[in-house]
PDB file of N, CA and C in Angstrom:
ATOM      1  N   UNK A   1      33.438 -73.222   3.392  1.00  0.00           N
ATOM      2  CA  UNK A   1      32.850 -72.574   2.254  1.00  0.00           C
ATOM      3  C   UNK A   1      33.395 -71.148   2.204  1.00  0.00           C
ATOM      4  N   UNK A   2      34.019 -70.781   1.077  1.00  0.00           N
ATOM      5  CA  UNK A   2      34.628 -69.467   0.942  1.00  0.00           C
ATOM      6  C   UNK A   2      33.944 -68.679  -0.173  1.00  0.00           C
ATOM      7  N   UNK A   3      33.569 -67.447   0.145  1.00  0.00           N
ATOM      8  CA  UNK A   3      33.105 -66.469  -0.827  1.00  0.00           C
ATOM      9  C   UNK A   3      34.211 -65.430  -0.908  1.00  0.00           C
ATOM     10  N   UNK A   4      34.868 -65.330  -2.064  1.00  0.00           N
ATOM     11  CA  UNK A   4      36.094 -64.553  -2.190  1.00  0.00           C
ATOM     12  C   UNK A   4      35.908 -63.348  -3.108  1.00  0.00           C
ATOM     13  N   UNK A   5      36.308 -62.173  -2.618  1.00  0.00           N
ATOM     14  CA  UNK A   5      36.241 -60.919  -3.368  1.00  0.00           C
ATOM     15  C   UNK A   5      37.650 -60.365  -3.487  1.00  0.00           C
ATOM     16  N   UNK A   6      38.075 -60.090  -4.731  1.00  0.00           N
ATOM     17  CA  UNK A   6      39.449 -59.653  -4.954  1.00  0.00           C
ATOM     18  C   UNK A   6      39.510 -58.574  -6.026  1.00  0.00           C
ATOM     19  N   UNK A   7      40.353 -57.590  -5.792  1.00  0.00           N
ATOM     20  CA  UNK A   7      40.609 -56.533  -6.764  1.00  0.00           C
ATOM     21  C   UNK A   7      41.306 -55.375  -6.093  1.00  0.00           C
ATOM     22  N   UNK A   8      41.863 -54.495  -6.899  1.00  0.00           N
ATOM     23  CA  UNK A   8      42.652 -53.393  -6.346  1.00  0.00           C
ATOM     24  C   UNK A   8      41.788 -52.314  -5.700  1.00  0.00           C
ATOM     25  N   UNK A   9      40.494 -52.289  -5.993  1.00  0.00           N
ATOM     26  CA  UNK A   9      39.608 -51.291  -5.391  1.00  0.00           C
ATOM     27  C   UNK A   9      39.029 -51.859  -4.090  1.00  0.00           C
ATOM     28  N   UNK A  10      39.630 -51.476  -2.983  1.00  0.00           N
ATOM     29  CA  UNK A  10      39.218 -52.006  -1.673  1.00  0.00           C
ATOM     30  C   UNK A  10      37.770 -51.678  -1.354  1.00  0.00           C
ATOM     31  N   UNK A  11      37.308 -50.508  -1.755  1.00  0.00           N
ATOM     32  CA  UNK A  11      35.937 -50.114  -1.405  1.00  0.00           C
ATOM     33  C   UNK A  11      34.904 -50.995  -2.101  1.00  0.00           C
ATOM     34  N   UNK A  12      35.155 -51.391  -3.341  1.00  0.00           N
ATOM     35  CA  UNK A  12      34.222 -52.288  -4.037  1.00  0.00           C
ATOM     36  C   UNK A  12      34.221 -53.650  -3.363  1.00  0.00           C
ATOM     37  N   UNK A  13      35.410 -54.174  -3.065  1.00  0.00           N
ATOM     38  CA  UNK A  13      35.500 -55.470  -2.381  1.00  0.00           C
ATOM     39  C   UNK A  13      34.727 -55.434  -1.076  1.00  0.00           C
ATOM     40  N   UNK A  14      34.979 -54.408  -0.280  1.00  0.00           N
ATOM     41  CA  UNK A  14      34.345 -54.297   1.033  1.00  0.00           C
ATOM     42  C   UNK A  14      32.827 -54.177   0.894  1.00  0.00           C
ATOM     43  N   UNK A  15      32.379 -53.360  -0.040  1.00  0.00           N
ATOM     44  CA  UNK A  15      30.938 -53.160  -0.218  1.00  0.00           C
ATOM     45  C   UNK A  15      30.239 -54.473  -0.577  1.00  0.00           C
ATOM     46  N   UNK A  16      30.808 -55.225  -1.514  1.00  0.00           N
ATOM     47  CA  UNK A  16      30.191 -56.492  -1.928  1.00  0.00           C
ATOM     48  C   UNK A  16      30.237 -57.536  -0.811  1.00  0.00           C
ATOM     49  N   UNK A  17      31.391 -57.660  -0.177  1.00  0.00           N
ATOM     50  CA  UNK A  17      31.529 -58.640   0.909  1.00  0.00           C
ATOM     51  C   UNK A  17      30.638 -58.275   2.084  1.00  0.00           C
ATOM     52  N   UNK A  18      30.588 -57.005   2.426  1.00  0.00           N
ATOM     53  CA  UNK A  18      29.758 -56.556   3.544  1.00  0.00           C
ATOM     54  C   UNK A  18      28.268 -56.774   3.255  1.00  0.00           C
ATOM     55  N   UNK A  19      27.870 -56.578   2.006  1.00  0.00           N
ATOM     56  CA  UNK A  19      26.472 -56.818   1.618  1.00  0.00           C
ATOM     57  C   UNK A  19      26.098 -58.287   1.863  1.00  0.00           C
ATOM     58  N   UNK A  20      26.976 -59.198   1.472  1.00  0.00           N
ATOM     59  CA  UNK A  20      26.731 -60.624   1.705  1.00  0.00           C
ATOM     60  C   UNK A  20      26.700 -60.921   3.207  1.00  0.00           C
ATOM     61  N   UNK A  21      27.645 -60.375   3.941  1.00  0.00           N
ATOM     62  CA  UNK A  21      27.714 -60.588   5.393  1.00  0.00           C
ATOM     63  C   UNK A  21      26.422 -60.135   6.069  1.00  0.00           C
ATOM     64  N   UNK A  22      25.938 -58.947   5.725  1.00  0.00           N
ATOM     65  CA  UNK A  22      24.708 -58.421   6.332  1.00  0.00           C
ATOM     66  C   UNK A  22      23.479 -59.224   5.920  1.00  0.00           C
ATOM     67  N   UNK A  23      23.452 -59.691   4.670  1.00  0.00           N
ATOM     68  CA  UNK A  23      22.300 -60.497   4.248  1.00  0.00           C
ATOM     69  C   UNK A  23      22.269 -61.833   4.989  1.00  0.00           C
ATOM     70  N   UNK A  24      23.444 -62.409   5.262  1.00  0.00           N
ATOM     71  CA  UNK A  24      23.490 -63.658   6.027  1.00  0.00           C
ATOM     72  C   UNK A  24      23.071 -63.429   7.483  1.00  0.00           C
ATOM     73  N   UNK A  25      23.380 -62.249   8.016  1.00  0.00           N
ATOM     74  CA  UNK A  25      22.931 -61.933   9.390  1.00  0.00           C
ATOM     75  C   UNK A  25      21.415 -61.919   9.460  1.00  0.00           C
ATOM     76  N   UNK A  26      20.770 -61.418   8.393  1.00  0.00           N
ATOM     77  CA  UNK A  26      19.304 -61.389   8.355  1.00  0.00           C
ATOM     78  C   UNK A  26      18.726 -62.792   8.181  1.00  0.00           C
ATOM     79  N   UNK A  27      19.366 -63.607   7.340  1.00  0.00           N
ATOM     80  CA  UNK A  27      18.864 -64.947   7.042  1.00  0.00           C
ATOM     81  C   UNK A  27      19.160 -65.952   8.149  1.00  0.00           C
ATOM     82  N   UNK A  28      20.252 -65.756   8.866  1.00  0.00           N
ATOM     83  CA  UNK A  28      20.681 -66.711   9.898  1.00  0.00           C
ATOM     84  C   UNK A  28      20.962 -65.973  11.210  1.00  0.00           C
ATOM     85  N   UNK A  29      19.940 -65.425  11.836  1.00  0.00           N
ATOM     86  CA  UNK A  29      20.180 -64.611  13.036  1.00  0.00           C
ATOM     87  C   UNK A  29      20.763 -65.393  14.216  1.00  0.00           C
ATOM     88  N   UNK A  30      20.632 -66.715  14.220  1.00  0.00           N
ATOM     89  CA  UNK A  30      21.154 -67.506  15.334  1.00  0.00           C
ATOM     90  C   UNK A  30      22.593 -67.978  15.123  1.00  0.00           C
ATOM     91  N   UNK A  31      23.152 -67.701  13.951  1.00  0.00           N
ATOM     92  CA  UNK A  31      24.539 -68.098  13.682  1.00  0.00           C
ATOM     93  C   UNK A  31      25.498 -67.163  14.415  1.00  0.00           C
ATOM     94  N   UNK A  32      26.719 -67.610  14.583  1.00  0.00           N
ATOM     95  CA  UNK A  32      27.764 -66.767  15.168  1.00  0.00           C
ATOM     96  C   UNK A  32      28.421 -65.968  14.052  1.00  0.00           C
ATOM     97  N   UNK A  33      28.621 -64.682  14.274  1.00  0.00           N
ATOM     98  CA  UNK A  33      29.205 -63.789  13.270  1.00  0.00           C
ATOM     99  C   UNK A  33      30.443 -63.117  13.830  1.00  0.00           C
ATOM    100  N   UNK A  34      31.476 -62.987  12.983  1.00  0.00           N
ATOM    101  CA  UNK A  34      32.693 -62.303  13.402  1.00  0.00           C
ATOM    102  C   UNK A  34      33.357 -61.646  12.197  1.00  0.00           C
ATOM    103  N   UNK A  35      34.114 -60.581  12.482  1.00  0.00           N
ATOM    104  CA  UNK A  35      34.852 -59.857  11.453  1.00  0.00           C
ATOM    105  C   UNK A  35      36.303 -59.759  11.905  1.00  0.00           C
ATOM    106  N   UNK A  36      37.217 -60.067  10.985  1.00  0.00           N
ATOM    107  CA  UNK A  36      38.644 -59.994  11.277  1.00  0.00           C
ATOM    108  C   UNK A  36      39.341 -59.198  10.190  1.00  0.00           C
ATOM    109  N   UNK A  37      40.324 -58.405  10.596  1.00  0.00           N
ATOM    110  CA  UNK A  37      41.161 -57.710   9.618  1.00  0.00           C
ATOM    111  C   UNK A  37      42.608 -58.118   9.847  1.00  0.00           C
ATOM    112  N   UNK A  38      43.518 -57.524   9.107  1.00  0.00           N
ATOM    113  CA  UNK A  38      44.925 -57.892   9.201  1.00  0.00           C
ATOM    114  C   UNK A  38      45.521 -57.674  10.571  1.00  0.00           C
ATOM    115  N   UNK A  39      44.947 -56.754  11.350  1.00  0.00           N
ATOM    116  CA  UNK A  39      45.460 -56.481  12.689  1.00  0.00           C
ATOM    117  C   UNK A  39      44.926 -57.444  13.747  1.00  0.00           C
ATOM    118  N   UNK A  40      43.770 -58.038  13.478  1.00  0.00           N
ATOM    119  CA  UNK A  40      43.139 -58.852  14.522  1.00  0.00           C
ATOM    120  C   UNK A  40      43.201 -60.356  14.280  1.00  0.00           C
ATOM    121  N   UNK A  41      43.551 -60.770  13.083  1.00  0.00           N
ATOM    122  CA  UNK A  41      43.542 -62.199  12.787  1.00  0.00           C
ATOM    123  C   UNK A  41      44.906 -62.818  13.097  1.00  0.00           C
ATOM    124  N   UNK A  42      44.854 -64.060  13.544  1.00  0.00           N
ATOM    125  CA  UNK A  42      46.074 -64.825  13.805  1.00  0.00           C
ATOM    126  C   UNK A  42      45.912 -66.199  13.168  1.00  0.00           C
ATOM    127  N   UNK A  43      46.991 -66.932  13.115  1.00  0.00           N
ATOM    128  CA  UNK A  43      46.928 -68.292  12.586  1.00  0.00           C
ATOM    129  C   UNK A  43      45.994 -69.153  13.429  1.00  0.00           C
ATOM    130  N   UNK A  44      45.991 -68.947  14.736  1.00  0.00           N
ATOM    131  CA  UNK A  44      45.106 -69.711  15.624  1.00  0.00           C
ATOM    132  C   UNK A  44      43.634 -69.449  15.325  1.00  0.00           C
ATOM    133  N   UNK A  45      43.299 -68.199  14.989  1.00  0.00           N
ATOM    134  CA  UNK A  45      41.909 -67.870  14.672  1.00  0.00           C
ATOM    135  C   UNK A  45      41.465 -68.615  13.426  1.00  0.00           C
ATOM    136  N   UNK A  46      42.315 -68.658  12.401  1.00  0.00           N
ATOM    137  CA  UNK A  46      41.928 -69.399  11.195  1.00  0.00           C
ATOM    138  C   UNK A  46      41.761 -70.885  11.475  1.00  0.00           C
ATOM    139  N   UNK A  47      42.592 -71.429  12.336  1.00  0.00           N
ATOM    140  CA  UNK A  47      42.451 -72.845  12.707  1.00  0.00           C
ATOM    141  C   UNK A  47      41.118 -73.075  13.397  1.00  0.00           C
ATOM    142  N   UNK A  48      40.720 -72.138  14.244  1.00  0.00           N
ATOM    143  CA  UNK A  48      39.429 -72.256  14.929  1.00  0.00           C
ATOM    144  C   UNK A  48      38.268 -72.178  13.945  1.00  0.00           C
ATOM    145  N   UNK A  49      38.391 -71.349  12.915  1.00  0.00           N
ATOM    146  CA  UNK A  49      37.311 -71.196  11.938  1.00  0.00           C
ATOM    147  C   UNK A  49      37.061 -72.487  11.166  1.00  0.00           C
ATOM    148  N   UNK A  50      38.089 -73.284  10.996  1.00  0.00           N
ATOM    149  CA  UNK A  50      37.943 -74.546  10.269  1.00  0.00           C
ATOM    150  C   UNK A  50      37.035 -75.497  11.037  1.00  0.00           C
ATOM    151  N   UNK A  51      37.191 -75.571  12.366  1.00  0.00           N
ATOM    152  CA  UNK A  51      36.472 -76.579  13.126  1.00  0.00           C
ATOM    153  C   UNK A  51      35.409 -76.077  14.065  1.00  0.00           C
ATOM    154  N   UNK A  52      35.258 -74.769  14.212  1.00  0.00           N
ATOM    155  CA  UNK A  52      34.292 -74.264  15.195  1.00  0.00           C
ATOM    156  C   UNK A  52      32.867 -74.348  14.676  1.00  0.00           C
ATOM    157  N   UNK A  53      31.931 -74.333  15.629  1.00  0.00           N
ATOM    158  CA  UNK A  53      30.507 -74.339  15.319  1.00  0.00           C
ATOM    159  C   UNK A  53      29.810 -73.328  16.208  1.00  0.00           C
ATOM    160  N   UNK A  54      28.739 -72.756  15.672  1.00  0.00           N
ATOM    161  CA  UNK A  54      27.941 -71.844  16.460  1.00  0.00           C
ATOM    162  C   UNK A  54      27.115 -72.615  17.471  1.00  0.00           C
ATOM    163  N   UNK A  55      26.652 -71.926  18.491  1.00  0.00           N
ATOM    164  CA  UNK A  55      25.905 -72.560  19.565  1.00  0.00           C
ATOM    165  C   UNK A  55      24.524 -73.041  19.115  1.00  0.00           C
ATOM    166  N   UNK A  56      23.772 -72.209  18.399  1.00  0.00           N
ATOM    167  CA  UNK A  56      22.407 -72.576  18.013  1.00  0.00           C
ATOM    168  C   UNK A  56      22.300 -72.949  16.540  1.00  0.00           C
ATOM    169  N   UNK A  57      22.857 -72.161  15.671  1.00  0.00           N
ATOM    170  CA  UNK A  57      22.760 -72.372  14.237  1.00  0.00           C
ATOM    171  C   UNK A  57      23.676 -73.498  13.773  1.00  0.00           C
ATOM    172  N   UNK A  58      24.804 -73.651  14.402  1.00  0.00           N
ATOM    173  CA  UNK A  58      25.751 -74.676  13.982  1.00  0.00           C
ATOM    174  C   UNK A  58      26.828 -74.133  13.072  1.00  0.00           C
ATOM    175  N   UNK A  59      26.531 -73.061  12.339  1.00  0.00           N
ATOM    176  CA  UNK A  59      27.516 -72.474  11.436  1.00  0.00           C
ATOM    177  C   UNK A  59      28.065 -71.183  12.015  1.00  0.00           C
ATOM    178  N   UNK A  60      29.288 -70.914  11.625  1.00  0.00           N
ATOM    179  CA  UNK A  60      29.933 -69.660  11.963  1.00  0.00           C
ATOM    180  C   UNK A  60      30.124 -68.895  10.656  1.00  0.00           C
ATOM    181  N   UNK A  61      29.773 -67.621  10.652  1.00  0.00           N
ATOM    182  CA  UNK A  61      29.963 -66.770   9.487  1.00  0.00           C
ATOM    183  C   UNK A  61      31.042 -65.760   9.846  1.00  0.00           C
ATOM    184  N   UNK A  62      32.128 -65.773   9.088  1.00  0.00           N
ATOM    185  CA  UNK A  62      33.247 -64.871   9.371  1.00  0.00           C
ATOM    186  C   UNK A  62      33.595 -64.064   8.139  1.00  0.00           C
ATOM    187  N   UNK A  63      33.872 -62.792   8.360  1.00  0.00           N
ATOM    188  CA  UNK A  63      34.308 -61.896   7.297  1.00  0.00           C
ATOM    189  C   UNK A  63      35.783 -61.602   7.527  1.00  0.00           C
ATOM    190  N   UNK A  64      36.622 -62.061   6.617  1.00  0.00           N
ATOM    191  CA  UNK A  64      38.063 -61.839   6.680  1.00  0.00           C
ATOM    192  C   UNK A  64      38.401 -60.710   5.714  1.00  0.00           C
ATOM    193  N   UNK A  65      38.722 -59.562   6.274  1.00  0.00           N
ATOM    194  CA  UNK A  65      38.882 -58.334   5.501  1.00  0.00           C
ATOM    195  C   UNK A  65      40.358 -57.976   5.351  1.00  0.00           C
ATOM    196  N   UNK A  66      40.890 -58.206   4.158  1.00  0.00           N
ATOM    197  CA  UNK A  66      42.283 -57.870   3.840  1.00  0.00           C
ATOM    198  C   UNK A  66      43.264 -58.428   4.864  1.00  0.00           C
ATOM    199  N   UNK A  67      43.089 -59.678   5.216  1.00  0.00           N
ATOM    200  CA  UNK A  67      43.962 -60.266   6.243  1.00  0.00           C
ATOM    201  C   UNK A  67      45.323 -60.671   5.699  1.00  0.00           C
ATOM    202  N   UNK A  68      45.419 -60.882   4.384  1.00  0.00           N
ATOM    203  CA  UNK A  68      46.682 -61.356   3.815  1.00  0.00           C
ATOM    204  C   UNK A  68      47.407 -60.314   2.982  1.00  0.00           C
ATOM    205  N   UNK A  69      46.755 -59.242   2.628  1.00  0.00           N
ATOM    206  CA  UNK A  69      47.340 -58.272   1.707  1.00  0.00           C
ATOM    207  C   UNK A  69      48.697 -57.766   2.155  1.00  0.00           C
ATOM    208  N   UNK A  70      48.868 -57.543   3.434  1.00  0.00           N
ATOM    209  CA  UNK A  70      50.125 -57.011   3.938  1.00  0.00           C
ATOM    210  C   UNK A  70      50.737 -57.898   5.013  1.00  0.00           C
ATOM    211  N   UNK A  71      50.252 -59.103   5.147  1.00  0.00           N
ATOM    212  CA  UNK A  71      50.644 -59.978   6.247  1.00  0.00           C
ATOM    213  C   UNK A  71      51.917 -60.762   5.963  1.00  0.00           C
ATOM    214  N   UNK A  72      52.733 -60.910   6.996  1.00  0.00           N
ATOM    215  CA  UNK A  72      53.914 -61.757   6.900  1.00  0.00           C
ATOM    216  C   UNK A  72      53.529 -63.228   7.002  1.00  0.00           C
ATOM    217  N   UNK A  73      52.299 -63.501   7.367  1.00  0.00           N
ATOM    218  CA  UNK A  73      51.850 -64.882   7.583  1.00  0.00           C
ATOM    219  C   UNK A  73      51.159 -65.488   6.364  1.00  0.00           C
ATOM    220  N   UNK A  74      51.348 -64.903   5.190  1.00  0.00           N
ATOM    221  CA  UNK A  74      50.648 -65.373   3.993  1.00  0.00           C
ATOM    222  C   UNK A  74      50.822 -66.863   3.746  1.00  0.00           C
ATOM    223  N   UNK A  75      52.031 -67.358   3.845  1.00  0.00           N
ATOM    224  CA  UNK A  75      52.289 -68.773   3.557  1.00  0.00           C
ATOM    225  C   UNK A  75      51.584 -69.688   4.553  1.00  0.00           C
ATOM    226  N   UNK A  76      51.537 -69.294   5.825  1.00  0.00           N
ATOM    227  CA  UNK A  76      50.842 -70.087   6.844  1.00  0.00           C
ATOM    228  C   UNK A  76      49.339 -70.106   6.579  1.00  0.00           C
ATOM    229  N   UNK A  77      48.774 -68.964   6.215  1.00  0.00           N
ATOM    230  CA  UNK A  77      47.350 -68.896   5.918  1.00  0.00           C
ATOM    231  C   UNK A  77      47.017 -69.675   4.653  1.00  0.00           C
ATOM    232  N   UNK A  78      47.908 -69.621   3.653  1.00  0.00           N
ATOM    233  CA  UNK A  78      47.668 -70.321   2.396  1.00  0.00           C
ATOM    234  C   UNK A  78      47.512 -71.825   2.610  1.00  0.00           C
ATOM    235  N   UNK A  79      48.184 -72.361   3.618  1.00  0.00           N
ATOM    236  CA  UNK A  79      48.081 -73.786   3.930  1.00  0.00           C
ATOM    237  C   UNK A  79      46.682 -74.166   4.419  1.00  0.00           C
ATOM    238  N   UNK A  80      45.938 -73.201   4.937  1.00  0.00           N
ATOM    239  CA  UNK A  80      44.627 -73.480   5.522  1.00  0.00           C
ATOM    240  C   UNK A  80      43.460 -73.222   4.559  1.00  0.00           C
ATOM    241  N   UNK A  81      43.744 -72.716   3.373  1.00  0.00           N
ATOM    242  CA  UNK A  81      42.669 -72.348   2.446  1.00  0.00           C
ATOM    243  C   UNK A  81      41.788 -73.547   2.105  1.00  0.00           C
ATOM    244  N   UNK A  82      42.363 -74.675   1.784  1.00  0.00           N
ATOM    245  CA  UNK A  82      41.552 -75.846   1.423  1.00  0.00           C
ATOM    246  C   UNK A  82      40.696 -76.297   2.606  1.00  0.00           C
ATOM    247  N   UNK A  83      41.247 -76.294   3.807  1.00  0.00           N
ATOM    248  CA  UNK A  83      40.486 -76.691   4.994  1.00  0.00           C
ATOM    249  C   UNK A  83      39.331 -75.730   5.256  1.00  0.00           C
ATOM    250  N   UNK A  84      39.574 -74.440   5.060  1.00  0.00           N
ATOM    251  CA  UNK A  84      38.499 -73.454   5.233  1.00  0.00           C
ATOM    252  C   UNK A  84      37.398 -73.680   4.198  1.00  0.00           C
ATOM    253  N   UNK A  85      37.789 -73.990   2.970  1.00  0.00           N
ATOM    254  CA  UNK A  85      36.816 -74.228   1.905  1.00  0.00           C
ATOM    255  C   UNK A  85      35.970 -75.466   2.187  1.00  0.00           C
ATOM    256  N   UNK A  86      36.569 -76.483   2.801  1.00  0.00           N
ATOM    257  CA  UNK A  86      35.855 -77.729   3.093  1.00  0.00           C
ATOM    258  C   UNK A  86      35.022 -77.642   4.366  1.00  0.00           C
ATOM    259  N   UNK A  87      35.237 -76.618   5.150  1.00  0.00           N
ATOM    260  CA  UNK A  87      34.497 -76.430   6.394  1.00  0.00           C
ATOM    261  C   UNK A  87      33.031 -76.103   6.099  1.00  0.00           C
ATOM    262  N   UNK A  88      32.160 -76.434   7.035  1.00  0.00           N
ATOM    263  CA  UNK A  88      30.747 -76.083   6.916  1.00  0.00           C
ATOM    264  C   UNK A  88      30.503 -74.609   7.243  1.00  0.00           C
ATOM    265  N   UNK A  89      31.503 -73.962   7.816  1.00  0.00           N
ATOM    266  CA  UNK A  89      31.374 -72.551   8.153  1.00  0.00           C
ATOM    267  C   UNK A  89      31.452 -71.702   6.889  1.00  0.00           C
ATOM    268  N   UNK A  90      30.914 -70.505   6.968  1.00  0.00           N
ATOM    269  CA  UNK A  90      30.898 -69.590   5.832  1.00  0.00           C
ATOM    270  C   UNK A  90      31.980 -68.537   6.046  1.00  0.00           C
ATOM    271  N   UNK A  91      32.890 -68.457   5.107  1.00  0.00           N
ATOM    272  CA  UNK A  91      33.977 -67.495   5.157  1.00  0.00           C
ATOM    273  C   UNK A  91      33.778 -66.505   4.016  1.00  0.00           C
ATOM    274  N   UNK A  92      33.608 -65.244   4.348  1.00  0.00           N
ATOM    275  CA  UNK A  92      33.547 -64.178   3.356  1.00  0.00           C
ATOM    276  C   UNK A  92      34.905 -63.498   3.410  1.00  0.00           C
ATOM    277  N   UNK A  93      35.631 -63.516   2.308  1.00  0.00           N
ATOM    278  CA  UNK A  93      37.032 -63.119   2.321  1.00  0.00           C
ATOM    279  C   UNK A  93      37.270 -62.078   1.236  1.00  0.00           C
ATOM    280  N   UNK A  94      37.787 -60.916   1.621  1.00  0.00           N
ATOM    281  CA  UNK A  94      38.128 -59.903   0.617  1.00  0.00           C
ATOM    282  C   UNK A  94      39.598 -59.512   0.752  1.00  0.00           C
ATOM    283  N   UNK A  95      40.239 -59.347  -0.388  1.00  0.00           N
ATOM    284  CA  UNK A  95      41.656 -58.964  -0.455  1.00  0.00           C
ATOM    285  C   UNK A  95      41.847 -58.010  -1.623  1.00  0.00           C
ATOM    286  N   UNK A  96      42.929 -57.226  -1.561  1.00  0.00           N
ATOM    287  CA  UNK A  96      43.224 -56.328  -2.668  1.00  0.00           C
ATOM    288  C   UNK A  96      44.584 -56.579  -3.305  1.00  0.00           C
ATOM    289  N   UNK A  97      45.444 -57.337  -2.630  1.00  0.00           N
ATOM    290  CA  UNK A  97      46.766 -57.587  -3.182  1.00  0.00           C
ATOM    291  C   UNK A  97      47.290 -58.908  -2.626  1.00  0.00           C
ATOM    292  N   UNK A  98      47.566 -59.862  -3.522  1.00  0.00           N
ATOM    293  CA  UNK A  98      48.068 -61.173  -3.111  1.00  0.00           C
ATOM    294  C   UNK A  98      49.098 -61.679  -4.100  1.00  0.00           C
ATOM    295  N   UNK A  99      50.012 -62.521  -3.634  1.00  0.00           N
ATOM    296  CA  UNK A  99      50.898 -63.208  -4.578  1.00  0.00           C
ATOM    297  C   UNK A  99      50.063 -64.124  -5.473  1.00  0.00           C
ATOM    298  N   UNK A 100      50.522 -64.319  -6.692  1.00  0.00           N
ATOM    299  CA  UNK A 100      49.757 -65.090  -7.679  1.00  0.00           C
ATOM    300  C   UNK A 100      49.420 -66.501  -7.202  1.00  0.00           C
ATOM    301  N   UNK A 101      50.349 -67.185  -6.508  1.00  0.00           N
ATOM    302  CA  UNK A 101      50.071 -68.561  -6.086  1.00  0.00           C
ATOM    303  C   UNK A 101      48.933 -68.631  -5.066  1.00  0.00           C
ATOM    304  N   UNK A 102      48.882 -67.671  -4.151  1.00  0.00           N
ATOM    305  CA  UNK A 102      47.804 -67.658  -3.153  1.00  0.00           C
ATOM    306  C   UNK A 102      46.482 -67.277  -3.817  1.00  0.00           C
ATOM    307  N   UNK A 103      46.528 -66.317  -4.741  1.00  0.00           N
ATOM    308  CA  UNK A 103      45.318 -65.925  -5.475  1.00  0.00           C
ATOM    309  C   UNK A 103      44.746 -67.120  -6.232  1.00  0.00           C
ATOM    310  N   UNK A 104      45.599 -67.868  -6.904  1.00  0.00           N
ATOM    311  CA  UNK A 104      45.142 -69.041  -7.655  1.00  0.00           C
ATOM    312  C   UNK A 104      44.529 -70.093  -6.723  1.00  0.00           C
ATOM    313  N   UNK A 105      45.118 -70.272  -5.565  1.00  0.00           N
ATOM    314  CA  UNK A 105      44.588 -71.247  -4.608  1.00  0.00           C
ATOM    315  C   UNK A 105      43.204 -70.813  -4.109  1.00  0.00           C
ATOM    316  N   UNK A 106      43.038 -69.524  -3.846  1.00  0.00           N
ATOM    317  CA  UNK A 106      41.725 -69.030  -3.417  1.00  0.00           C
ATOM    318  C   UNK A 106      40.695 -69.143  -4.540  1.00  0.00           C
ATOM    319  N   UNK A 107      41.088 -68.861  -5.763  1.00  0.00           N
ATOM    320  CA  UNK A 107      40.178 -69.029  -6.902  1.00  0.00           C
ATOM    321  C   UNK A 107      39.693 -70.477  -6.980  1.00  0.00           C
ATOM    322  N   UNK A 108      40.640 -71.393  -6.842  1.00  0.00           N
ATOM    323  CA  UNK A 108      40.346 -72.819  -6.981  1.00  0.00           C
ATOM    324  C   UNK A 108      39.404 -73.330  -5.893  1.00  0.00           C
ATOM    325  N   UNK A 109      39.583 -72.870  -4.665  1.00  0.00           N
ATOM    326  CA  UNK A 109      38.843 -73.434  -3.539  1.00  0.00           C
ATOM    327  C   UNK A 109      37.628 -72.614  -3.103  1.00  0.00           C
ATOM    328  N   UNK A 110      37.342 -71.520  -3.769  1.00  0.00           N
ATOM    329  CA  UNK A 110      36.190 -70.698  -3.387  1.00  0.00           C
ATOM    330  C   UNK A 110      34.896 -71.264  -3.955  1.00  0.00           C
ATOM    331  N   UNK A 111      33.852 -71.208  -3.146  1.00  0.00           N
ATOM    332  CA  UNK A 111      32.527 -71.589  -3.620  1.00  0.00           C
ATOM    333  C   UNK A 111      32.064 -70.587  -4.663  1.00  0.00           C
ATOM    334  N   UNK A 112      32.340 -69.314  -4.397  1.00  0.00           N
ATOM    335  CA  UNK A 112      32.007 -68.239  -5.315  1.00  0.00           C
ATOM    336  C   UNK A 112      33.108 -67.197  -5.209  1.00  0.00           C
ATOM    337  N   UNK A 113      33.492 -66.631  -6.346  1.00  0.00           N
ATOM    338  CA  UNK A 113      34.511 -65.583  -6.303  1.00  0.00           C
ATOM    339  C   UNK A 113      34.150 -64.450  -7.248  1.00  0.00           C
ATOM    340  N   UNK A 114      34.575 -63.265  -6.876  1.00  0.00           N
ATOM    341  CA  UNK A 114      34.407 -62.058  -7.680  1.00  0.00           C
ATOM    342  C   UNK A 114      35.794 -61.440  -7.764  1.00  0.00           C
ATOM    343  N   UNK A 115      36.446 -61.645  -8.897  1.00  0.00           N
ATOM    344  CA  UNK A 115      37.841 -61.231  -9.045  1.00  0.00           C
ATOM    345  C   UNK A 115      37.935 -60.211 -10.172  1.00  0.00           C
ATOM    346  N   UNK A 116      38.405 -59.035  -9.812  1.00  0.00           N
ATOM    347  CA  UNK A 116      38.594 -57.955 -10.763  1.00  0.00           C
ATOM    348  C   UNK A 116      40.070 -57.589 -10.790  1.00  0.00           C
ATOM    349  N   UNK A 117      40.803 -58.238 -11.679  1.00  0.00           N
ATOM    350  CA  UNK A 117      42.229 -57.960 -11.800  1.00  0.00           C
ATOM    351  C   UNK A 117      42.417 -56.804 -12.767  1.00  0.00           C
ATOM    352  N   UNK A 118      43.422 -55.980 -12.487  1.00  0.00           N
ATOM    353  CA  UNK A 118      43.711 -54.862 -13.384  1.00  0.00           C
ATOM    354  C   UNK A 118      44.276 -55.391 -14.686  1.00  0.00           C
ATOM    355  N   UNK A 119      43.828 -54.792 -15.769  1.00  0.00           N
ATOM    356  CA  UNK A 119      44.338 -55.179 -17.075  1.00  0.00           C
ATOM    357  C   UNK A 119      45.575 -54.331 -17.356  1.00  0.00           C
ATOM    358  N   UNK A 120      46.618 -54.980 -17.783  1.00  0.00           N
ATOM    359  CA  UNK A 120      47.831 -54.237 -18.139  1.00  0.00           C
ATOM    360  C   UNK A 120      47.782 -53.905 -19.609  1.00  0.00           C
ATOM    361  N   UNK A 121      48.125 -52.659 -19.927  1.00  0.00           N
ATOM    362  CA  UNK A 121      48.088 -52.222 -21.314  1.00  0.00           C
ATOM    363  C   UNK A 121      49.359 -52.690 -22.018  1.00  0.00           C
ATOM    364  N   UNK A 122      49.209 -53.094 -23.258  1.00  0.00           N
ATOM    365  CA  UNK A 122      50.356 -53.524 -24.046  1.00  0.00           C
ATOM    366  C   UNK A 122      51.210 -52.298 -24.382  1.00  0.00           C
ATOM    367  N   UNK A 123      52.504 -52.451 -24.224  1.00  0.00           N
ATOM    368  CA  UNK A 123      53.412 -51.360 -24.546  1.00  0.00           C
ATOM    369  C   UNK A 123      53.641 -51.328 -26.055  1.00  0.00           C
ATOM    370  N   UNK A 124      53.670 -50.119 -26.588  1.00  0.00           N
ATOM    371  CA  UNK A 124      53.883 -49.984 -28.028  1.00  0.00           C
ATOM    372  C   UNK A 124      55.350 -50.026 -28.362  1.00  0.00           C
TER     373      UNK A 124
END
């Protein structure tokens, strides 16, 4: 299950995603919680998120913060989006810059998304 926040304003994305993450901590205190950013996440970690379970709650809640915006591993992570969406775990994912194909895949497979794309002005 993916909750996806996207837009060029990183602070808005982070604020909304963090609010959801903290509310889930209050609602599910026995679940396992983790936060990953572009420096700490690896392909192996995403594979674990697909199949892992918490000890007491059964669900794992993970906040993936701008893990793909500057990553060389975008294509590898994009392959796992559908599996993450089908997982019983809760993935809160925020990004500020993605290639269009990966953005479309996240839109398609997210349980809920908040996407604020910049509007381009028409040239006169």
